[in-house]
Amino acid sequence: MKRSLKEITLRLVLLFTGLVIAHLGVTLFLLTELGADPFNVFVQGIFRTLRNFLGMLTHGYTHVSICIIIILLLLIIDKSYIKIGTVVCMVFGGPIIDFFTRILNTFIHAGNPFALRIATLAAGCVILAFGMTIVIKSDAGTGPNDLVAIVISDKQSKPFGQVRIIVDFCFVAIGFLLGGAVGIGTIISAFLVGPIAGVFLPYSEKIVNRVISAVIRILP
C-alpha cells in the first residue's frame, strides 16, 4: 500500500525518536566502561586493523564506511530492506552518542561503584532494546545490527530475539579477533538486548500504530 507524504514523515519522526532513545541506552553502558556494544566492538576491531595501514583513518569514518558497505551488500541481496531511515540510523547514531556523553559523563563513569555500573549497564540495555524496537516498527529503516538480524530472521523464519544474539556474537567475535575491546558489558548486552527487544516488539508495534493513526486523524 502506497503511503502518503504525511505518513512517511511521521514514520521518520518516530524512527528518529526511537534512535535517540536507543542511543541513550548505548551511551549509558558505554560510560560504565564495562565494554562496548557488539557493533562498536566490530568497528573498533576494523579500525585498529586498518589504522596500521591508514594512519589518518578515524573511528568515526570507519563506522560510517562499514555501515555503507552493509547497505551496499543488502542492496545487492534484497533492496527492499533499505529505506531512507536506514541512512538516518547509520549517519546520526554516532553524533547522538557524543551528545549524550557530554551530558552524562559527570554522573556515570568508571569511578562509580561496580554495582551501580552494572545497574546502569542493565538499564542501558533495556532502554536500547526499547528504542530500537520503536525504530524497527516505524518501518522507515533501521541500524546495522538490527538490519542484519531482520534480514536473517525474515529469510530463515526465526525469532528476531534469537537471531539478534547470534548476529551480536558474530560482530563481537570478529571485532575481538581484529583487536576490538571486549568487556563484561559487551557479553551482557549481546545476551540481553535481542531477547528484551523480542519482548518489546509487539508493544512497540501497537505504540507506533496508535501514534500514526491518532496524528493522521488530527492533522489536516
N, C-alpha and C. Protein backbone atom coordinates (compact mmCIF):
# COMPACT_ATOMS: atom_id res chain seq x y z
N MET A 1 0.84 -1.20 0.00
CA MET A 1 0.00 0.00 0.00
C MET A 1 0.88 1.25 0.00
N LYS A 2 0.55 2.17 -0.92
CA LYS A 2 1.34 3.39 -1.02
C LYS A 2 1.02 4.32 0.13
N ARG A 3 2.06 4.89 0.74
CA ARG A 3 1.88 5.77 1.88
C ARG A 3 1.90 7.22 1.46
N SER A 4 1.16 8.04 2.19
CA SER A 4 1.15 9.47 1.93
C SER A 4 2.43 10.10 2.46
N LEU A 5 2.74 11.29 1.98
CA LEU A 5 3.92 12.02 2.45
C LEU A 5 3.81 12.29 3.94
N LYS A 6 2.59 12.55 4.41
CA LYS A 6 2.35 12.81 5.83
C LYS A 6 2.74 11.58 6.67
N GLU A 7 2.33 10.40 6.23
CA GLU A 7 2.64 9.18 6.99
C GLU A 7 4.13 8.86 6.94
N ILE A 8 4.75 9.05 5.78
CA ILE A 8 6.19 8.80 5.65
C ILE A 8 6.98 9.70 6.59
N THR A 9 6.59 10.99 6.63
CA THR A 9 7.25 11.96 7.51
C THR A 9 7.08 11.56 8.97
N LEU A 10 5.88 11.15 9.33
CA LEU A 10 5.59 10.75 10.70
C LEU A 10 6.39 9.51 11.10
N ARG A 11 6.51 8.56 10.19
CA ARG A 11 7.29 7.36 10.47
C ARG A 11 8.77 7.70 10.66
N LEU A 12 9.27 8.66 9.91
CA LEU A 12 10.66 9.08 10.07
C LEU A 12 10.87 9.78 11.42
N VAL A 13 9.87 10.55 11.85
CA VAL A 13 9.94 11.21 13.16
C VAL A 13 9.98 10.15 14.27
N LEU A 14 9.13 9.13 14.14
CA LEU A 14 9.12 8.04 15.12
C LEU A 14 10.45 7.29 15.11
N LEU A 15 10.98 7.05 13.91
CA LEU A 15 12.28 6.39 13.80
C LEU A 15 13.35 7.18 14.53
N PHE A 16 13.38 8.49 14.31
CA PHE A 16 14.42 9.31 14.93
C PHE A 16 14.23 9.34 16.45
N THR A 17 12.98 9.34 16.91
CA THR A 17 12.70 9.31 18.35
C THR A 17 13.24 8.02 18.96
N GLY A 18 12.96 6.89 18.29
CA GLY A 18 13.47 5.61 18.75
C GLY A 18 14.98 5.56 18.71
N LEU A 19 15.56 6.20 17.70
CA LEU A 19 17.02 6.23 17.56
C LEU A 19 17.66 6.97 18.73
N VAL A 20 17.04 8.08 19.12
CA VAL A 20 17.55 8.86 20.27
C VAL A 20 17.45 8.02 21.55
N ILE A 21 16.31 7.36 21.76
CA ILE A 21 16.13 6.52 22.94
C ILE A 21 17.17 5.39 22.97
N ALA A 22 17.33 4.72 21.83
CA ALA A 22 18.27 3.59 21.75
C ALA A 22 19.70 4.03 22.04
N HIS A 23 20.08 5.19 21.52
CA HIS A 23 21.47 5.64 21.72
C HIS A 23 21.69 6.26 23.09
N LEU A 24 20.60 6.64 23.77
CA LEU A 24 20.72 6.97 25.19
C LEU A 24 21.13 5.70 25.94
N GLY A 25 20.50 4.58 25.60
CA GLY A 25 20.86 3.30 26.21
C GLY A 25 22.29 2.91 25.93
N VAL A 26 22.71 3.06 24.67
CA VAL A 26 24.10 2.75 24.30
C VAL A 26 25.07 3.61 25.11
N THR A 27 24.77 4.89 25.22
CA THR A 27 25.65 5.81 25.95
C THR A 27 25.77 5.42 27.42
N LEU A 28 24.64 5.01 28.02
CA LEU A 28 24.66 4.62 29.43
C LEU A 28 25.65 3.50 29.68
N PHE A 29 25.60 2.44 28.85
CA PHE A 29 26.52 1.36 29.18
C PHE A 29 27.92 1.59 28.64
N LEU A 30 28.09 2.47 27.66
CA LEU A 30 29.44 2.83 27.23
C LEU A 30 30.17 3.60 28.33
N LEU A 31 29.44 4.47 29.03
CA LEU A 31 30.06 5.29 30.08
C LEU A 31 30.45 4.46 31.30
N THR A 32 29.85 3.30 31.48
CA THR A 32 30.26 2.44 32.60
C THR A 32 31.65 1.86 32.35
N GLU A 33 32.11 1.92 31.10
CA GLU A 33 33.40 1.37 30.69
C GLU A 33 33.54 -0.11 31.02
N LEU A 34 32.41 -0.81 30.91
CA LEU A 34 32.41 -2.27 31.11
C LEU A 34 32.41 -3.01 29.77
N GLY A 35 32.53 -2.26 28.70
CA GLY A 35 32.58 -2.87 27.38
C GLY A 35 31.71 -2.13 26.38
N ALA A 36 32.11 -2.14 25.11
CA ALA A 36 31.34 -1.50 24.05
C ALA A 36 30.20 -2.42 23.61
N ASP A 37 29.19 -1.85 22.94
CA ASP A 37 28.14 -2.68 22.37
C ASP A 37 28.73 -3.52 21.22
N PRO A 38 28.10 -4.65 20.88
CA PRO A 38 28.69 -5.57 19.90
C PRO A 38 29.10 -4.94 18.57
N PHE A 39 28.28 -4.06 18.01
CA PHE A 39 28.64 -3.49 16.71
C PHE A 39 29.87 -2.60 16.83
N ASN A 40 29.97 -1.87 17.95
CA ASN A 40 31.13 -0.99 18.11
C ASN A 40 32.41 -1.76 18.42
N VAL A 41 32.29 -2.97 18.99
CA VAL A 41 33.47 -3.84 19.13
C VAL A 41 33.97 -4.21 17.73
N PHE A 42 33.03 -4.52 16.85
CA PHE A 42 33.35 -4.84 15.46
C PHE A 42 34.03 -3.65 14.78
N VAL A 43 33.45 -2.45 14.99
CA VAL A 43 34.03 -1.23 14.40
C VAL A 43 35.44 -0.98 14.95
N GLN A 44 35.60 -1.17 16.27
CA GLN A 44 36.94 -0.98 16.88
C GLN A 44 37.97 -1.92 16.25
N GLY A 45 37.56 -3.18 16.08
CA GLY A 45 38.49 -4.16 15.50
C GLY A 45 38.90 -3.79 14.09
N ILE A 46 37.92 -3.41 13.27
CA ILE A 46 38.21 -3.00 11.89
C ILE A 46 39.10 -1.77 11.90
N PHE A 47 38.76 -0.80 12.77
CA PHE A 47 39.52 0.45 12.86
C PHE A 47 40.98 0.20 13.25
N ARG A 48 41.18 -0.62 14.27
CA ARG A 48 42.54 -0.87 14.74
C ARG A 48 43.36 -1.65 13.72
N THR A 49 42.68 -2.50 12.95
CA THR A 49 43.39 -3.24 11.90
C THR A 49 43.78 -2.32 10.76
N LEU A 50 42.83 -1.50 10.31
CA LEU A 50 43.10 -0.61 9.18
C LEU A 50 44.04 0.52 9.55
N ARG A 51 44.03 0.92 10.83
CA ARG A 51 44.88 2.03 11.27
C ARG A 51 46.36 1.72 11.04
N ASN A 52 46.70 0.43 11.08
CA ASN A 52 48.09 0.03 10.83
C ASN A 52 48.52 0.36 9.41
N PHE A 53 47.53 0.43 8.50
CA PHE A 53 47.84 0.71 7.10
C PHE A 53 47.47 2.13 6.71
N LEU A 54 46.45 2.69 7.39
CA LEU A 54 45.98 4.03 7.05
C LEU A 54 45.98 4.90 8.30
N GLY A 55 47.05 5.58 8.54
CA GLY A 55 47.24 6.34 9.76
C GLY A 55 46.22 7.45 9.98
N MET A 56 45.64 7.99 8.90
CA MET A 56 44.72 9.11 9.01
C MET A 56 43.29 8.67 9.29
N LEU A 57 43.03 7.36 9.25
CA LEU A 57 41.68 6.85 9.42
C LEU A 57 41.20 7.10 10.86
N THR A 58 39.94 7.52 11.02
CA THR A 58 39.36 7.75 12.35
C THR A 58 38.30 6.70 12.62
N HIS A 59 37.96 6.55 13.91
CA HIS A 59 36.93 5.59 14.29
C HIS A 59 35.59 5.94 13.65
N GLY A 60 35.27 7.25 13.64
CA GLY A 60 34.00 7.69 13.05
C GLY A 60 33.89 7.36 11.58
N TYR A 61 34.95 7.61 10.82
CA TYR A 61 34.94 7.29 9.40
C TYR A 61 34.82 5.79 9.17
N THR A 62 35.46 5.01 10.04
CA THR A 62 35.38 3.55 9.94
C THR A 62 33.94 3.10 10.14
N HIS A 63 33.27 3.66 11.16
CA HIS A 63 31.88 3.31 11.48
C HIS A 63 30.99 3.58 10.27
N VAL A 64 31.09 4.77 9.72
CA VAL A 64 30.25 5.14 8.57
C VAL A 64 30.56 4.25 7.36
N SER A 65 31.85 3.97 7.14
CA SER A 65 32.25 3.15 6.00
C SER A 65 31.67 1.74 6.09
N ILE A 66 31.71 1.15 7.30
CA ILE A 66 31.16 -0.20 7.49
C ILE A 66 29.65 -0.19 7.24
N CYS A 67 28.97 0.85 7.74
CA CYS A 67 27.53 0.97 7.52
C CYS A 67 27.20 1.06 6.03
N ILE A 68 27.99 1.83 5.31
CA ILE A 68 27.77 1.97 3.87
C ILE A 68 27.96 0.62 3.16
N ILE A 69 28.98 -0.13 3.58
CA ILE A 69 29.23 -1.45 2.97
C ILE A 69 28.04 -2.38 3.24
N ILE A 70 27.51 -2.36 4.47
CA ILE A 70 26.35 -3.19 4.81
C ILE A 70 25.16 -2.82 3.93
N ILE A 71 24.94 -1.51 3.75
CA ILE A 71 23.84 -1.05 2.90
C ILE A 71 24.03 -1.54 1.47
N LEU A 72 25.25 -1.41 0.94
CA LEU A 72 25.52 -1.85 -0.43
C LEU A 72 25.29 -3.35 -0.60
N LEU A 73 25.74 -4.13 0.39
CA LEU A 73 25.54 -5.58 0.32
C LEU A 73 24.06 -5.94 0.32
N LEU A 74 23.29 -5.25 1.16
CA LEU A 74 21.86 -5.55 1.21
C LEU A 74 21.12 -5.04 -0.02
N LEU A 75 21.63 -3.99 -0.64
CA LEU A 75 21.05 -3.55 -1.91
C LEU A 75 21.19 -4.63 -2.97
N ILE A 76 22.30 -5.38 -2.87
CA ILE A 76 22.52 -6.48 -3.82
C ILE A 76 21.66 -7.69 -3.44
N ILE A 77 21.60 -8.01 -2.12
CA ILE A 77 20.86 -9.19 -1.66
C ILE A 77 19.35 -8.98 -1.77
N ASP A 78 18.86 -7.89 -1.17
CA ASP A 78 17.42 -7.59 -1.19
C ASP A 78 17.22 -6.12 -0.85
N LYS A 79 17.05 -5.30 -1.86
CA LYS A 79 16.98 -3.84 -1.66
C LYS A 79 15.73 -3.38 -0.92
N SER A 80 14.74 -4.27 -0.74
CA SER A 80 13.52 -3.88 -0.06
C SER A 80 13.75 -3.53 1.41
N TYR A 81 14.89 -3.99 1.97
CA TYR A 81 15.18 -3.71 3.38
C TYR A 81 15.83 -2.35 3.58
N ILE A 82 16.27 -1.71 2.51
CA ILE A 82 16.96 -0.42 2.63
C ILE A 82 15.96 0.71 2.39
N LYS A 83 15.79 1.56 3.40
CA LYS A 83 14.84 2.67 3.31
C LYS A 83 15.55 3.95 3.73
N ILE A 84 14.87 5.07 3.58
CA ILE A 84 15.50 6.36 3.88
C ILE A 84 15.93 6.43 5.35
N GLY A 85 15.15 5.81 6.24
CA GLY A 85 15.51 5.81 7.66
C GLY A 85 16.76 5.01 7.96
N THR A 86 17.10 4.06 7.08
CA THR A 86 18.33 3.29 7.25
C THR A 86 19.54 4.21 7.25
N VAL A 87 19.53 5.13 6.30
CA VAL A 87 20.63 6.09 6.19
C VAL A 87 20.65 7.01 7.42
N VAL A 88 19.47 7.42 7.88
CA VAL A 88 19.37 8.27 9.08
C VAL A 88 20.01 7.56 10.28
N CYS A 89 19.68 6.26 10.46
CA CYS A 89 20.24 5.49 11.57
C CYS A 89 21.76 5.39 11.49
N MET A 90 22.25 5.13 10.28
CA MET A 90 23.68 4.92 10.10
C MET A 90 24.49 6.21 10.32
N VAL A 91 23.90 7.34 9.93
CA VAL A 91 24.64 8.61 9.95
C VAL A 91 24.56 9.31 11.32
N PHE A 92 23.40 9.24 11.98
CA PHE A 92 23.18 10.06 13.17
C PHE A 92 23.46 9.34 14.49
N GLY A 93 23.67 8.02 14.46
CA GLY A 93 23.92 7.29 15.70
C GLY A 93 25.11 7.82 16.48
N GLY A 94 26.23 7.98 15.81
CA GLY A 94 27.45 8.47 16.47
C GLY A 94 27.29 9.84 17.10
N PRO A 95 26.79 10.84 16.37
CA PRO A 95 26.60 12.17 16.96
C PRO A 95 25.65 12.18 18.15
N ILE A 96 24.61 11.32 18.13
CA ILE A 96 23.69 11.25 19.27
C ILE A 96 24.41 10.74 20.51
N ILE A 97 25.26 9.71 20.33
CA ILE A 97 26.04 9.20 21.46
C ILE A 97 26.97 10.28 22.00
N ASP A 98 27.62 11.03 21.11
CA ASP A 98 28.51 12.12 21.54
C ASP A 98 27.74 13.16 22.36
N PHE A 99 26.52 13.47 21.93
CA PHE A 99 25.67 14.45 22.63
C PHE A 99 25.36 13.98 24.04
N PHE A 100 24.88 12.73 24.18
CA PHE A 100 24.53 12.20 25.50
C PHE A 100 25.76 12.02 26.38
N THR A 101 26.89 11.70 25.77
CA THR A 101 28.13 11.51 26.55
C THR A 101 28.52 12.80 27.25
N ARG A 102 28.42 13.92 26.55
CA ARG A 102 28.76 15.22 27.15
C ARG A 102 27.86 15.53 28.34
N ILE A 103 26.58 15.14 28.25
CA ILE A 103 25.63 15.44 29.32
C ILE A 103 25.81 14.52 30.52
N LEU A 104 26.04 13.22 30.26
CA LEU A 104 26.02 12.22 31.32
C LEU A 104 27.39 11.87 31.89
N ASN A 105 28.44 12.35 31.26
CA ASN A 105 29.79 11.94 31.62
C ASN A 105 30.14 12.24 33.08
N THR A 106 29.61 13.33 33.63
CA THR A 106 29.94 13.69 35.02
C THR A 106 29.19 12.82 36.03
N PHE A 107 28.12 12.15 35.59
CA PHE A 107 27.31 11.33 36.51
C PHE A 107 27.66 9.85 36.44
N ILE A 108 28.07 9.38 35.26
CA ILE A 108 28.36 7.96 35.07
C ILE A 108 29.78 7.82 34.54
N HIS A 109 30.61 7.10 35.26
CA HIS A 109 31.99 6.91 34.80
C HIS A 109 32.58 5.69 35.50
N ALA A 110 33.80 5.33 35.12
CA ALA A 110 34.44 4.12 35.63
C ALA A 110 34.71 4.19 37.13
N GLY A 111 34.66 5.40 37.71
CA GLY A 111 34.93 5.55 39.14
C GLY A 111 33.74 5.22 40.02
N ASN A 112 32.55 5.05 39.42
CA ASN A 112 31.37 4.69 40.20
C ASN A 112 31.51 3.28 40.77
N PRO A 113 30.82 2.99 41.89
CA PRO A 113 30.84 1.61 42.44
C PRO A 113 30.43 0.59 41.38
N PHE A 114 31.03 -0.60 41.44
CA PHE A 114 30.79 -1.62 40.42
C PHE A 114 29.31 -1.99 40.32
N ALA A 115 28.63 -2.12 41.46
CA ALA A 115 27.20 -2.48 41.47
C ALA A 115 26.37 -1.44 40.72
N LEU A 116 26.71 -0.16 40.93
CA LEU A 116 26.00 0.92 40.23
C LEU A 116 26.26 0.87 38.74
N ARG A 117 27.49 0.55 38.36
CA ARG A 117 27.82 0.47 36.93
C ARG A 117 27.10 -0.69 36.27
N ILE A 118 26.97 -1.83 36.97
CA ILE A 118 26.23 -2.97 36.43
C ILE A 118 24.75 -2.61 36.27
N ALA A 119 24.19 -1.91 37.27
CA ALA A 119 22.78 -1.49 37.20
C ALA A 119 22.57 -0.52 36.03
N THR A 120 23.53 0.39 35.85
CA THR A 120 23.46 1.34 34.73
C THR A 120 23.55 0.62 33.40
N LEU A 121 24.43 -0.37 33.35
CA LEU A 121 24.58 -1.19 32.15
C LEU A 121 23.29 -1.90 31.80
N ALA A 122 22.65 -2.52 32.79
CA ALA A 122 21.39 -3.23 32.57
C ALA A 122 20.30 -2.27 32.10
N ALA A 123 20.23 -1.10 32.75
CA ALA A 123 19.25 -0.09 32.35
C ALA A 123 19.50 0.36 30.92
N GLY A 124 20.77 0.53 30.57
CA GLY A 124 21.12 0.91 29.21
C GLY A 124 20.67 -0.12 28.19
N CYS A 125 20.82 -1.40 28.52
CA CYS A 125 20.39 -2.48 27.61
C CYS A 125 18.88 -2.44 27.39
N VAL A 126 18.12 -2.21 28.48
CA VAL A 126 16.67 -2.17 28.37
C VAL A 126 16.23 -0.97 27.53
N ILE A 127 16.83 0.20 27.80
CA ILE A 127 16.49 1.41 27.05
C ILE A 127 16.86 1.24 25.58
N LEU A 128 18.03 0.67 25.32
CA LEU A 128 18.46 0.41 23.94
C LEU A 128 17.47 -0.51 23.24
N ALA A 129 17.08 -1.59 23.90
CA ALA A 129 16.17 -2.56 23.30
C ALA A 129 14.82 -1.91 22.96
N PHE A 130 14.31 -1.08 23.90
CA PHE A 130 13.02 -0.42 23.64
C PHE A 130 13.14 0.56 22.47
N GLY A 131 14.19 1.39 22.49
CA GLY A 131 14.36 2.36 21.42
C GLY A 131 14.49 1.72 20.06
N MET A 132 15.24 0.62 19.99
CA MET A 132 15.46 0.01 18.68
C MET A 132 14.19 -0.67 18.17
N THR A 133 13.29 -1.12 19.08
CA THR A 133 12.03 -1.70 18.60
C THR A 133 11.11 -0.61 18.03
N ILE A 134 11.19 0.59 18.60
CA ILE A 134 10.44 1.71 18.02
C ILE A 134 10.97 2.00 16.61
N VAL A 135 12.29 1.99 16.47
CA VAL A 135 12.91 2.20 15.17
C VAL A 135 12.44 1.14 14.18
N ILE A 136 12.50 -0.13 14.59
CA ILE A 136 12.11 -1.24 13.71
C ILE A 136 10.65 -1.12 13.30
N LYS A 137 9.76 -0.86 14.25
CA LYS A 137 8.34 -0.83 13.97
C LYS A 137 7.88 0.47 13.30
N SER A 138 8.75 1.46 13.24
CA SER A 138 8.42 2.66 12.45
C SER A 138 8.35 2.29 10.98
N ASP A 139 9.01 1.19 10.61
CA ASP A 139 9.05 0.68 9.24
C ASP A 139 9.60 1.72 8.27
N ALA A 140 10.56 2.52 8.78
CA ALA A 140 11.18 3.55 7.93
C ALA A 140 12.67 3.27 7.74
N GLY A 141 13.17 2.16 8.33
CA GLY A 141 14.59 1.84 8.26
C GLY A 141 15.11 1.45 9.62
N THR A 142 16.35 0.99 9.70
CA THR A 142 16.94 0.61 10.98
C THR A 142 18.45 0.59 10.90
N GLY A 143 19.11 0.35 12.06
CA GLY A 143 20.56 0.37 12.12
C GLY A 143 21.20 -0.95 11.74
N PRO A 144 22.54 -1.02 11.77
CA PRO A 144 23.27 -2.17 11.22
C PRO A 144 22.99 -3.51 11.89
N ASN A 145 23.06 -3.58 13.24
CA ASN A 145 22.80 -4.86 13.92
C ASN A 145 21.40 -5.37 13.59
N ASP A 146 20.42 -4.47 13.78
CA ASP A 146 19.03 -4.86 13.58
C ASP A 146 18.75 -5.19 12.12
N LEU A 147 19.36 -4.44 11.23
CA LEU A 147 19.14 -4.67 9.80
C LEU A 147 19.56 -6.07 9.40
N VAL A 148 20.77 -6.47 9.82
CA VAL A 148 21.27 -7.81 9.52
C VAL A 148 20.38 -8.86 10.18
N ALA A 149 20.00 -8.63 11.45
CA ALA A 149 19.16 -9.60 12.16
C ALA A 149 17.78 -9.73 11.54
N ILE A 150 17.20 -8.61 11.10
CA ILE A 150 15.88 -8.64 10.47
C ILE A 150 15.90 -9.44 9.17
N VAL A 151 16.92 -9.21 8.36
CA VAL A 151 17.03 -9.92 7.09
C VAL A 151 17.13 -11.44 7.33
N ILE A 152 18.02 -11.84 8.25
CA ILE A 152 18.20 -13.27 8.54
C ILE A 152 16.92 -13.85 9.15
N SER A 153 16.31 -13.09 10.08
CA SER A 153 15.08 -13.54 10.73
C SER A 153 13.97 -13.78 9.71
N ASP A 154 13.81 -12.85 8.78
CA ASP A 154 12.78 -12.98 7.75
C ASP A 154 13.07 -14.14 6.80
N LYS A 155 14.33 -14.21 6.34
CA LYS A 155 14.69 -15.22 5.35
C LYS A 155 14.63 -16.63 5.92
N GLN A 156 15.00 -16.77 7.21
CA GLN A 156 15.05 -18.09 7.84
C GLN A 156 13.82 -18.40 8.71
N SER A 157 12.91 -17.43 8.82
CA SER A 157 11.70 -17.57 9.64
C SER A 157 12.04 -17.94 11.09
N LYS A 158 13.03 -17.23 11.64
CA LYS A 158 13.46 -17.44 13.01
C LYS A 158 13.07 -16.23 13.87
N PRO A 159 12.85 -16.43 15.20
CA PRO A 159 12.51 -15.30 16.09
C PRO A 159 13.62 -14.25 16.08
N PHE A 160 13.23 -12.99 16.01
CA PHE A 160 14.20 -11.89 15.93
C PHE A 160 15.16 -11.90 17.12
N GLY A 161 14.64 -12.11 18.34
CA GLY A 161 15.48 -12.06 19.53
C GLY A 161 16.63 -13.05 19.48
N GLN A 162 16.34 -14.28 19.02
CA GLN A 162 17.38 -15.31 18.93
C GLN A 162 18.41 -14.95 17.86
N VAL A 163 17.92 -14.48 16.72
CA VAL A 163 18.84 -14.13 15.63
C VAL A 163 19.73 -12.97 16.03
N ARG A 164 19.17 -12.01 16.75
CA ARG A 164 19.96 -10.84 17.17
C ARG A 164 21.13 -11.27 18.06
N ILE A 165 20.93 -12.26 18.93
CA ILE A 165 22.03 -12.75 19.77
C ILE A 165 23.15 -13.30 18.90
N ILE A 166 22.79 -14.10 17.90
CA ILE A 166 23.79 -14.70 17.00
C ILE A 166 24.55 -13.62 16.24
N VAL A 167 23.81 -12.64 15.71
CA VAL A 167 24.42 -11.54 14.95
C VAL A 167 25.39 -10.76 15.85
N ASP A 168 24.94 -10.44 17.08
CA ASP A 168 25.79 -9.69 18.00
C ASP A 168 27.07 -10.45 18.32
N PHE A 169 26.95 -11.75 18.58
CA PHE A 169 28.14 -12.52 18.92
C PHE A 169 29.09 -12.67 17.73
N CYS A 170 28.54 -12.68 16.51
CA CYS A 170 29.41 -12.70 15.32
C CYS A 170 30.19 -11.39 15.23
N PHE A 171 29.50 -10.26 15.47
CA PHE A 171 30.18 -8.97 15.47
C PHE A 171 31.26 -8.92 16.54
N VAL A 172 30.93 -9.43 17.75
CA VAL A 172 31.89 -9.42 18.86
C VAL A 172 33.10 -10.30 18.53
N ALA A 173 32.85 -11.51 18.02
CA ALA A 173 33.95 -12.44 17.73
C ALA A 173 34.90 -11.88 16.69
N ILE A 174 34.34 -11.35 15.60
CA ILE A 174 35.20 -10.79 14.54
C ILE A 174 35.94 -9.56 15.05
N GLY A 175 35.21 -8.68 15.76
CA GLY A 175 35.84 -7.47 16.31
C GLY A 175 36.95 -7.79 17.28
N PHE A 176 36.72 -8.79 18.15
CA PHE A 176 37.74 -9.19 19.13
C PHE A 176 38.99 -9.73 18.44
N LEU A 177 38.79 -10.58 17.44
CA LEU A 177 39.92 -11.16 16.71
C LEU A 177 40.74 -10.09 16.00
N LEU A 178 40.08 -8.99 15.64
CA LEU A 178 40.77 -7.90 14.94
C LEU A 178 41.29 -6.82 15.90
N GLY A 179 41.07 -7.01 17.20
CA GLY A 179 41.63 -6.06 18.16
C GLY A 179 40.63 -5.19 18.89
N GLY A 180 39.33 -5.46 18.72
CA GLY A 180 38.31 -4.68 19.44
C GLY A 180 38.29 -5.03 20.92
N ALA A 181 37.92 -4.06 21.77
CA ALA A 181 37.91 -4.25 23.22
C ALA A 181 36.59 -4.88 23.66
N VAL A 182 36.70 -6.02 24.34
CA VAL A 182 35.52 -6.73 24.83
C VAL A 182 35.54 -6.76 26.35
N GLY A 183 34.41 -6.40 26.96
CA GLY A 183 34.31 -6.43 28.42
C GLY A 183 33.06 -7.16 28.84
N ILE A 184 32.83 -7.21 30.15
CA ILE A 184 31.64 -7.89 30.66
C ILE A 184 30.36 -7.26 30.11
N GLY A 185 30.40 -5.94 29.91
CA GLY A 185 29.23 -5.25 29.37
C GLY A 185 28.90 -5.68 27.96
N THR A 186 29.93 -5.99 27.18
CA THR A 186 29.72 -6.46 25.81
C THR A 186 28.95 -7.78 25.82
N ILE A 187 29.38 -8.70 26.68
CA ILE A 187 28.74 -10.01 26.76
C ILE A 187 27.31 -9.88 27.28
N ILE A 188 27.13 -9.05 28.32
CA ILE A 188 25.79 -8.86 28.87
C ILE A 188 24.85 -8.29 27.81
N SER A 189 25.31 -7.27 27.09
CA SER A 189 24.45 -6.65 26.08
C SER A 189 24.14 -7.61 24.93
N ALA A 190 25.13 -8.43 24.56
CA ALA A 190 24.91 -9.38 23.47
C ALA A 190 23.85 -10.42 23.84
N PHE A 191 23.80 -10.80 25.14
CA PHE A 191 22.80 -11.76 25.60
C PHE A 191 21.44 -11.12 25.84
N LEU A 192 21.43 -9.86 26.35
CA LEU A 192 20.19 -9.26 26.81
C LEU A 192 19.39 -8.53 25.74
N VAL A 193 20.07 -7.75 24.91
CA VAL A 193 19.35 -6.82 24.04
C VAL A 193 18.38 -7.53 23.09
N GLY A 194 18.84 -8.60 22.44
CA GLY A 194 17.98 -9.31 21.50
C GLY A 194 16.71 -9.84 22.14
N PRO A 195 16.81 -10.64 23.22
CA PRO A 195 15.60 -11.16 23.88
C PRO A 195 14.68 -10.07 24.43
N ILE A 196 15.27 -9.01 25.03
CA ILE A 196 14.43 -7.91 25.54
C ILE A 196 13.70 -7.24 24.40
N ALA A 197 14.39 -7.04 23.28
CA ALA A 197 13.75 -6.44 22.11
C ALA A 197 12.62 -7.33 21.61
N GLY A 198 12.83 -8.65 21.65
CA GLY A 198 11.79 -9.58 21.23
C GLY A 198 10.52 -9.43 22.05
N VAL A 199 10.69 -9.11 23.36
CA VAL A 199 9.53 -8.89 24.24
C VAL A 199 8.86 -7.55 23.91
N PHE A 200 9.68 -6.53 23.64
CA PHE A 200 9.15 -5.18 23.39
C PHE A 200 8.47 -5.04 22.02
N LEU A 201 8.88 -5.83 21.03
CA LEU A 201 8.43 -5.62 19.65
C LEU A 201 6.91 -5.51 19.48
N PRO A 202 6.12 -6.46 20.02
CA PRO A 202 4.66 -6.32 19.81
C PRO A 202 4.08 -5.07 20.46
N TYR A 203 4.62 -4.68 21.63
CA TYR A 203 4.12 -3.47 22.31
C TYR A 203 4.52 -2.22 21.53
N SER A 204 5.75 -2.22 21.00
CA SER A 204 6.21 -1.07 20.21
C SER A 204 5.40 -0.93 18.94
N GLU A 205 5.01 -2.06 18.35
CA GLU A 205 4.18 -2.01 17.14
C GLU A 205 2.83 -1.34 17.44
N LYS A 206 2.24 -1.68 18.58
CA LYS A 206 0.97 -1.07 18.98
C LYS A 206 1.14 0.43 19.21
N ILE A 207 2.25 0.80 19.88
CA ILE A 207 2.51 2.22 20.14
C ILE A 207 2.63 2.99 18.84
N VAL A 208 3.45 2.46 17.92
CA VAL A 208 3.68 3.13 16.63
C VAL A 208 2.37 3.26 15.85
N ASN A 209 1.60 2.18 15.77
CA ASN A 209 0.35 2.21 15.01
C ASN A 209 -0.66 3.19 15.59
N ARG A 210 -0.74 3.24 16.91
CA ARG A 210 -1.69 4.15 17.56
C ARG A 210 -1.27 5.61 17.37
N VAL A 211 0.04 5.87 17.48
CA VAL A 211 0.52 7.24 17.28
C VAL A 211 0.24 7.70 15.85
N ILE A 212 0.54 6.84 14.89
CA ILE A 212 0.33 7.20 13.48
C ILE A 212 -1.16 7.43 13.21
N SER A 213 -2.02 6.54 13.70
CA SER A 213 -3.47 6.69 13.48
C SER A 213 -3.99 7.98 14.11
N ALA A 214 -3.55 8.26 15.35
CA ALA A 214 -4.03 9.46 16.06
C ALA A 214 -3.57 10.73 15.37
N VAL A 215 -2.29 10.80 14.99
CA VAL A 215 -1.75 12.02 14.38
C VAL A 215 -2.37 12.25 13.00
N ILE A 216 -2.55 11.21 12.22
CA ILE A 216 -3.12 11.36 10.88
C ILE A 216 -4.58 11.86 10.98
N ARG A 217 -5.30 11.42 12.01
CA ARG A 217 -6.68 11.91 12.20
C ARG A 217 -6.71 13.37 12.58
N ILE A 218 -5.70 13.78 13.36
CA ILE A 218 -5.66 15.18 13.86
C ILE A 218 -5.20 16.15 12.79
N LEU A 219 -4.13 15.77 12.07
CA LEU A 219 -3.57 16.67 11.06
C LEU A 219 -4.50 16.82 9.86
N PRO A 220 -4.53 18.03 9.27
CA PRO A 220 -5.40 18.25 8.11
C PRO A 220 -4.89 17.49 6.88
